[in-house]
Structure formats: structure tokens, C-alpha cells
Amino acid sequence: MRIHQYYVYIITNSRKTVYYIGVTNNIEQRLADHYFNRGDRKTFAGRYYCFYLVYYEIFKYVDKAILRETELKTWKRSRKDLLILDKNLTLGFLNNKFMDWPPGELWRRKQKEEQ
């Protein structure tokens, strides 16, 4: 039996001026998606070059993760800042915690082969 993990995550741009909050069951793939979509004006994260992970929470059940994502999206920026600083005091980028960063074309090709 596979154990599922769901992540609620907050990413930002290099200057930390914008936050994007999302939920996923594959954090590595999702971070890479955001990275490869940088500059894509059709998506919020792409438009603002948000692909740097600054915060995440892990959930066992998807419904709990979705509720938490929805809750965080209602918070003001100042409250989100306090949440992030509570676990990430330096506001460092956490992408390397999950994968070699940045993902390159070899990573993208490997993911396509696995599909």
C-alpha cells in the first residue's frame, strides 16, 4: 500500500515580493513545473517568476491539504510572513531540500520517460 503525502507550499520570486500558494502530491515535479513555466504570462507563478520554495507543510489526506491551502490564501501578507519566518528564519530557498536545483533539461527528459 502506498503512503500518500500532500504538500501545501509557498513559493516566491527572487526578490521575495510575491507569494504563490499551492497544493501537490509531488513537490519535486511541481517545483520543476513552476521553474520551467517562468515567464509564462498565462500563469500567476510564471508571470511573476515564482519558483523558489520558502515554506511547506505535509499532509496525509488531500482534503486536509486543500483546506489548509484555502485557509492560507485568505491570510494577509503579514500573517503569511510570520508563518514562513516561524519555520524558515532566514527566508532561504528550500528547493534543494527536495531536488538538485535548478532542474535542467536532463531532469525534464527523465520525467517524460517515466510517464
N, C-alpha and C. Protein backbone atom coordinates (compact mmCIF):
# COMPACT_ATOMS: atom_id res chain seq x y z
N MET A 1 0.84 -1.18 0.00
CA MET A 1 0.00 0.00 0.00
C MET A 1 0.88 1.24 0.00
N ARG A 2 0.59 2.16 -0.88
CA ARG A 2 1.38 3.38 -1.00
C ARG A 2 0.91 4.41 0.03
N ILE A 3 1.86 5.03 0.68
CA ILE A 3 1.55 6.11 1.61
C ILE A 3 1.57 7.41 0.83
N HIS A 4 0.48 8.12 0.89
CA HIS A 4 0.39 9.39 0.16
C HIS A 4 0.84 10.54 1.05
N GLN A 5 1.50 11.50 0.42
CA GLN A 5 1.86 12.74 1.08
C GLN A 5 1.41 13.88 0.20
N TYR A 6 0.80 14.84 0.81
CA TYR A 6 0.36 16.02 0.10
C TYR A 6 1.05 17.23 0.73
N TYR A 7 1.46 18.13 -0.11
CA TYR A 7 2.19 19.30 0.33
C TYR A 7 1.39 20.57 0.04
N VAL A 8 1.29 21.41 1.04
CA VAL A 8 0.86 22.79 0.83
C VAL A 8 2.15 23.58 0.84
N TYR A 9 2.35 24.39 -0.17
CA TYR A 9 3.64 25.05 -0.31
C TYR A 9 3.46 26.52 -0.66
N ILE A 10 4.47 27.29 -0.32
CA ILE A 10 4.52 28.70 -0.69
C ILE A 10 5.82 28.93 -1.45
N ILE A 11 5.69 29.48 -2.64
CA ILE A 11 6.86 29.85 -3.44
C ILE A 11 6.84 31.35 -3.65
N THR A 12 7.99 31.87 -4.00
CA THR A 12 8.14 33.30 -4.21
C THR A 12 9.11 33.54 -5.36
N ASN A 13 9.30 34.80 -5.71
CA ASN A 13 10.28 35.15 -6.73
C ASN A 13 11.61 35.48 -6.07
N SER A 14 12.61 35.79 -6.86
CA SER A 14 13.96 36.00 -6.32
C SER A 14 14.03 37.19 -5.35
N ARG A 15 13.17 38.19 -5.55
CA ARG A 15 13.16 39.36 -4.65
C ARG A 15 12.19 39.22 -3.49
N LYS A 16 11.46 38.08 -3.47
CA LYS A 16 10.51 37.77 -2.39
C LYS A 16 9.40 38.82 -2.28
N THR A 17 8.92 39.28 -3.42
CA THR A 17 7.87 40.30 -3.43
C THR A 17 6.48 39.73 -3.63
N VAL A 18 6.39 38.48 -4.07
CA VAL A 18 5.10 37.86 -4.39
C VAL A 18 5.09 36.45 -3.83
N TYR A 19 3.94 36.03 -3.31
CA TYR A 19 3.78 34.64 -2.87
C TYR A 19 2.76 33.93 -3.74
N TYR A 20 3.02 32.67 -3.98
CA TYR A 20 2.07 31.77 -4.63
C TYR A 20 1.89 30.59 -3.69
N ILE A 21 0.65 30.23 -3.41
CA ILE A 21 0.34 29.11 -2.53
C ILE A 21 -0.32 28.03 -3.34
N GLY A 22 0.15 26.79 -3.18
CA GLY A 22 -0.42 25.68 -3.92
C GLY A 22 -0.43 24.41 -3.11
N VAL A 23 -1.02 23.36 -3.70
CA VAL A 23 -1.06 22.04 -3.08
C VAL A 23 -0.68 21.02 -4.15
N THR A 24 0.06 19.99 -3.75
CA THR A 24 0.50 18.97 -4.69
C THR A 24 0.81 17.67 -3.95
N ASN A 25 0.82 16.58 -4.69
CA ASN A 25 1.28 15.31 -4.10
C ASN A 25 2.67 14.95 -4.62
N ASN A 26 3.26 15.82 -5.44
CA ASN A 26 4.60 15.59 -5.98
C ASN A 26 5.35 16.92 -5.99
N ILE A 27 5.98 17.23 -4.88
CA ILE A 27 6.61 18.54 -4.73
C ILE A 27 7.75 18.76 -5.72
N GLU A 28 8.51 17.71 -6.01
CA GLU A 28 9.61 17.87 -6.95
C GLU A 28 9.09 18.25 -8.33
N GLN A 29 8.10 17.52 -8.79
CA GLN A 29 7.52 17.79 -10.11
C GLN A 29 6.92 19.19 -10.16
N ARG A 30 6.22 19.56 -9.09
CA ARG A 30 5.55 20.86 -9.09
C ARG A 30 6.56 22.00 -9.08
N LEU A 31 7.63 21.87 -8.31
CA LEU A 31 8.66 22.91 -8.31
C LEU A 31 9.30 23.04 -9.69
N ALA A 32 9.56 21.90 -10.31
CA ALA A 32 10.13 21.93 -11.66
C ALA A 32 9.15 22.55 -12.64
N ASP A 33 7.86 22.23 -12.53
CA ASP A 33 6.85 22.84 -13.40
C ASP A 33 6.88 24.36 -13.28
N HIS A 34 6.91 24.84 -12.04
CA HIS A 34 6.96 26.30 -11.83
C HIS A 34 8.24 26.88 -12.45
N TYR A 35 9.34 26.20 -12.28
CA TYR A 35 10.61 26.69 -12.84
C TYR A 35 10.55 26.75 -14.37
N PHE A 36 10.06 25.69 -15.00
CA PHE A 36 10.01 25.66 -16.46
C PHE A 36 8.93 26.59 -17.03
N ASN A 37 7.98 26.99 -16.20
CA ASN A 37 6.93 27.93 -16.65
C ASN A 37 7.30 29.39 -16.39
N ARG A 38 8.52 29.63 -15.89
CA ARG A 38 8.88 31.01 -15.57
C ARG A 38 8.76 31.89 -16.81
N GLY A 39 8.18 33.06 -16.60
CA GLY A 39 7.99 34.00 -17.70
C GLY A 39 6.70 33.77 -18.47
N ASP A 40 5.98 32.69 -18.21
CA ASP A 40 4.72 32.41 -18.90
C ASP A 40 3.63 33.32 -18.32
N ARG A 41 3.22 34.27 -19.10
CA ARG A 41 2.26 35.26 -18.63
C ARG A 41 0.85 34.68 -18.41
N LYS A 42 0.63 33.44 -18.84
CA LYS A 42 -0.69 32.82 -18.68
C LYS A 42 -0.93 32.32 -17.25
N THR A 43 0.15 32.16 -16.48
CA THR A 43 0.00 31.66 -15.11
C THR A 43 0.52 32.70 -14.13
N PHE A 44 -0.08 32.75 -12.96
CA PHE A 44 0.35 33.71 -11.95
C PHE A 44 1.82 33.49 -11.58
N ALA A 45 2.15 32.24 -11.22
CA ALA A 45 3.53 31.94 -10.81
C ALA A 45 4.52 32.22 -11.93
N GLY A 46 4.14 31.89 -13.16
CA GLY A 46 5.01 32.14 -14.30
C GLY A 46 5.21 33.61 -14.57
N ARG A 47 4.13 34.37 -14.50
CA ARG A 47 4.17 35.80 -14.76
C ARG A 47 5.11 36.53 -13.79
N TYR A 48 5.12 36.07 -12.53
CA TYR A 48 5.94 36.72 -11.51
C TYR A 48 7.21 35.95 -11.16
N TYR A 49 7.56 34.96 -11.98
CA TYR A 49 8.79 34.17 -11.79
C TYR A 49 8.87 33.56 -10.38
N CYS A 50 7.75 33.02 -9.93
CA CYS A 50 7.70 32.37 -8.62
C CYS A 50 8.05 30.90 -8.78
N PHE A 51 9.20 30.52 -8.28
CA PHE A 51 9.57 29.10 -8.27
C PHE A 51 10.52 28.78 -7.12
N TYR A 52 10.72 29.71 -6.22
CA TYR A 52 11.59 29.48 -5.06
C TYR A 52 10.74 29.09 -3.85
N LEU A 53 10.95 27.89 -3.35
CA LEU A 53 10.20 27.38 -2.22
C LEU A 53 10.69 28.02 -0.92
N VAL A 54 9.75 28.59 -0.15
CA VAL A 54 10.12 29.18 1.14
C VAL A 54 9.38 28.54 2.31
N TYR A 55 8.34 27.74 2.01
CA TYR A 55 7.55 27.15 3.09
C TYR A 55 6.78 25.95 2.55
N TYR A 56 6.60 24.95 3.41
CA TYR A 56 5.75 23.82 3.05
C TYR A 56 5.25 23.13 4.30
N GLU A 57 4.13 22.46 4.16
CA GLU A 57 3.57 21.60 5.19
C GLU A 57 3.21 20.28 4.51
N ILE A 58 3.29 19.19 5.26
CA ILE A 58 2.98 17.87 4.72
C ILE A 58 1.70 17.35 5.37
N PHE A 59 0.83 16.76 4.53
CA PHE A 59 -0.44 16.20 4.98
C PHE A 59 -0.59 14.78 4.48
N LYS A 60 -1.31 13.98 5.25
CA LYS A 60 -1.59 12.61 4.86
C LYS A 60 -2.83 12.53 3.96
N TYR A 61 -3.75 13.44 4.16
CA TYR A 61 -5.01 13.42 3.42
C TYR A 61 -5.17 14.67 2.57
N VAL A 62 -5.58 14.46 1.34
CA VAL A 62 -5.68 15.57 0.40
C VAL A 62 -6.72 16.60 0.83
N ASP A 63 -7.82 16.16 1.43
CA ASP A 63 -8.84 17.11 1.83
C ASP A 63 -8.32 18.08 2.90
N LYS A 64 -7.48 17.59 3.80
CA LYS A 64 -6.87 18.46 4.82
C LYS A 64 -5.91 19.45 4.17
N ALA A 65 -5.15 18.98 3.19
CA ALA A 65 -4.21 19.86 2.49
C ALA A 65 -4.96 20.97 1.74
N ILE A 66 -6.04 20.61 1.09
CA ILE A 66 -6.82 21.61 0.34
C ILE A 66 -7.44 22.63 1.29
N LEU A 67 -7.93 22.17 2.43
CA LEU A 67 -8.48 23.11 3.43
C LEU A 67 -7.41 24.09 3.91
N ARG A 68 -6.21 23.57 4.15
CA ARG A 68 -5.11 24.43 4.61
C ARG A 68 -4.70 25.43 3.54
N GLU A 69 -4.61 24.97 2.30
CA GLU A 69 -4.28 25.87 1.19
C GLU A 69 -5.31 26.99 1.11
N THR A 70 -6.57 26.63 1.18
CA THR A 70 -7.66 27.61 1.11
C THR A 70 -7.55 28.61 2.26
N GLU A 71 -7.25 28.11 3.45
CA GLU A 71 -7.10 28.98 4.61
C GLU A 71 -5.96 29.97 4.41
N LEU A 72 -4.79 29.47 4.00
CA LEU A 72 -3.62 30.34 3.84
C LEU A 72 -3.86 31.42 2.79
N LYS A 73 -4.61 31.09 1.76
CA LYS A 73 -4.87 32.06 0.70
C LYS A 73 -5.72 33.24 1.18
N THR A 74 -6.42 33.07 2.29
CA THR A 74 -7.24 34.17 2.83
C THR A 74 -6.44 35.09 3.73
N TRP A 75 -5.25 34.68 4.14
CA TRP A 75 -4.44 35.46 5.07
C TRP A 75 -3.83 36.67 4.40
N LYS A 76 -3.63 37.71 5.20
CA LYS A 76 -2.90 38.89 4.74
C LYS A 76 -1.41 38.55 4.63
N ARG A 77 -0.71 39.32 3.86
CA ARG A 77 0.73 39.10 3.64
C ARG A 77 1.50 39.05 4.95
N SER A 78 1.19 39.94 5.88
CA SER A 78 1.94 40.00 7.14
C SER A 78 1.81 38.70 7.94
N ARG A 79 0.66 38.10 7.90
CA ARG A 79 0.45 36.83 8.62
C ARG A 79 1.20 35.68 7.92
N LYS A 80 1.22 35.69 6.59
CA LYS A 80 1.99 34.69 5.85
C LYS A 80 3.48 34.84 6.14
N ASP A 81 3.95 36.08 6.22
CA ASP A 81 5.36 36.32 6.55
C ASP A 81 5.72 35.70 7.90
N LEU A 82 4.86 35.88 8.89
CA LEU A 82 5.13 35.32 10.22
C LEU A 82 5.13 33.79 10.19
N LEU A 83 4.21 33.21 9.43
CA LEU A 83 4.17 31.75 9.30
C LEU A 83 5.47 31.23 8.70
N ILE A 84 5.91 31.86 7.63
CA ILE A 84 7.14 31.44 6.95
C ILE A 84 8.34 31.61 7.86
N LEU A 85 8.44 32.76 8.51
CA LEU A 85 9.59 33.05 9.37
C LEU A 85 9.66 32.11 10.58
N ASP A 86 8.52 31.59 11.00
CA ASP A 86 8.50 30.67 12.13
C ASP A 86 9.28 29.38 11.83
N LYS A 87 9.25 28.95 10.56
CA LYS A 87 9.95 27.72 10.18
C LYS A 87 11.19 27.97 9.31
N ASN A 88 11.29 29.14 8.75
CA ASN A 88 12.38 29.46 7.82
C ASN A 88 12.89 30.86 8.16
N LEU A 89 13.61 30.94 9.26
CA LEU A 89 14.02 32.22 9.84
C LEU A 89 14.80 33.11 8.88
N THR A 90 15.59 32.52 7.99
CA THR A 90 16.41 33.31 7.07
C THR A 90 15.70 33.58 5.74
N LEU A 91 14.49 33.05 5.59
CA LEU A 91 13.76 33.15 4.32
C LEU A 91 14.58 32.57 3.17
N GLY A 92 15.36 31.54 3.48
CA GLY A 92 16.16 30.88 2.45
C GLY A 92 15.29 30.06 1.52
N PHE A 93 15.80 29.80 0.35
CA PHE A 93 15.08 28.99 -0.63
C PHE A 93 15.31 27.51 -0.30
N LEU A 94 14.25 26.73 -0.27
CA LEU A 94 14.29 25.34 0.19
C LEU A 94 14.25 24.32 -0.93
N ASN A 95 14.34 24.74 -2.16
CA ASN A 95 14.23 23.83 -3.30
C ASN A 95 15.22 22.68 -3.22
N ASN A 96 16.45 22.96 -2.78
CA ASN A 96 17.49 21.92 -2.69
C ASN A 96 17.15 20.84 -1.68
N LYS A 97 16.23 21.10 -0.81
CA LYS A 97 15.83 20.09 0.17
C LYS A 97 15.12 18.92 -0.52
N PHE A 98 14.53 19.17 -1.67
CA PHE A 98 13.76 18.15 -2.37
C PHE A 98 14.41 17.63 -3.64
N MET A 99 15.29 18.42 -4.24
CA MET A 99 15.87 18.03 -5.53
C MET A 99 17.10 18.88 -5.82
N ASP A 100 17.92 18.39 -6.76
CA ASP A 100 19.02 19.24 -7.25
C ASP A 100 18.39 20.43 -7.94
N TRP A 101 18.89 21.61 -7.61
CA TRP A 101 18.28 22.82 -8.12
C TRP A 101 19.31 23.67 -8.83
N PRO A 102 18.98 24.27 -9.94
CA PRO A 102 17.71 24.18 -10.67
C PRO A 102 17.64 22.91 -11.52
N PRO A 103 16.42 22.49 -11.84
CA PRO A 103 16.29 21.31 -12.70
C PRO A 103 16.72 21.66 -14.12
N GLY A 104 17.40 20.75 -14.77
CA GLY A 104 17.86 21.01 -16.13
C GLY A 104 17.07 20.20 -17.14
N GLU A 105 17.47 20.30 -18.36
CA GLU A 105 16.80 19.57 -19.44
C GLU A 105 16.86 18.06 -19.24
N LEU A 106 17.96 17.56 -18.67
CA LEU A 106 18.06 16.12 -18.40
C LEU A 106 16.97 15.69 -17.43
N TRP A 107 16.69 16.52 -16.43
CA TRP A 107 15.64 16.21 -15.47
C TRP A 107 14.29 16.17 -16.18
N ARG A 108 14.05 17.13 -17.04
CA ARG A 108 12.78 17.20 -17.77
C ARG A 108 12.59 15.96 -18.65
N ARG A 109 13.66 15.58 -19.37
CA ARG A 109 13.58 14.39 -20.23
C ARG A 109 13.34 13.12 -19.43
N LYS A 110 14.01 13.01 -18.28
CA LYS A 110 13.83 11.82 -17.44
C LYS A 110 12.39 11.71 -16.97
N GLN A 111 11.79 12.82 -16.61
CA GLN A 111 10.39 12.81 -16.16
C GLN A 111 9.45 12.38 -17.28
N LYS A 112 9.71 12.83 -18.50
CA LYS A 112 8.88 12.45 -19.63
C LYS A 112 9.00 10.96 -19.92
N GLU A 113 10.20 10.42 -19.76
CA GLU A 113 10.42 8.99 -20.00
C GLU A 113 9.67 8.14 -18.98
N GLU A 114 9.52 8.63 -17.77
CA GLU A 114 8.85 7.88 -16.71
C GLU A 114 7.34 7.87 -16.87
N GLN A 115 6.81 8.74 -17.69
CA GLN A 115 5.34 8.83 -17.86
C GLN A 115 4.79 7.74 -18.73
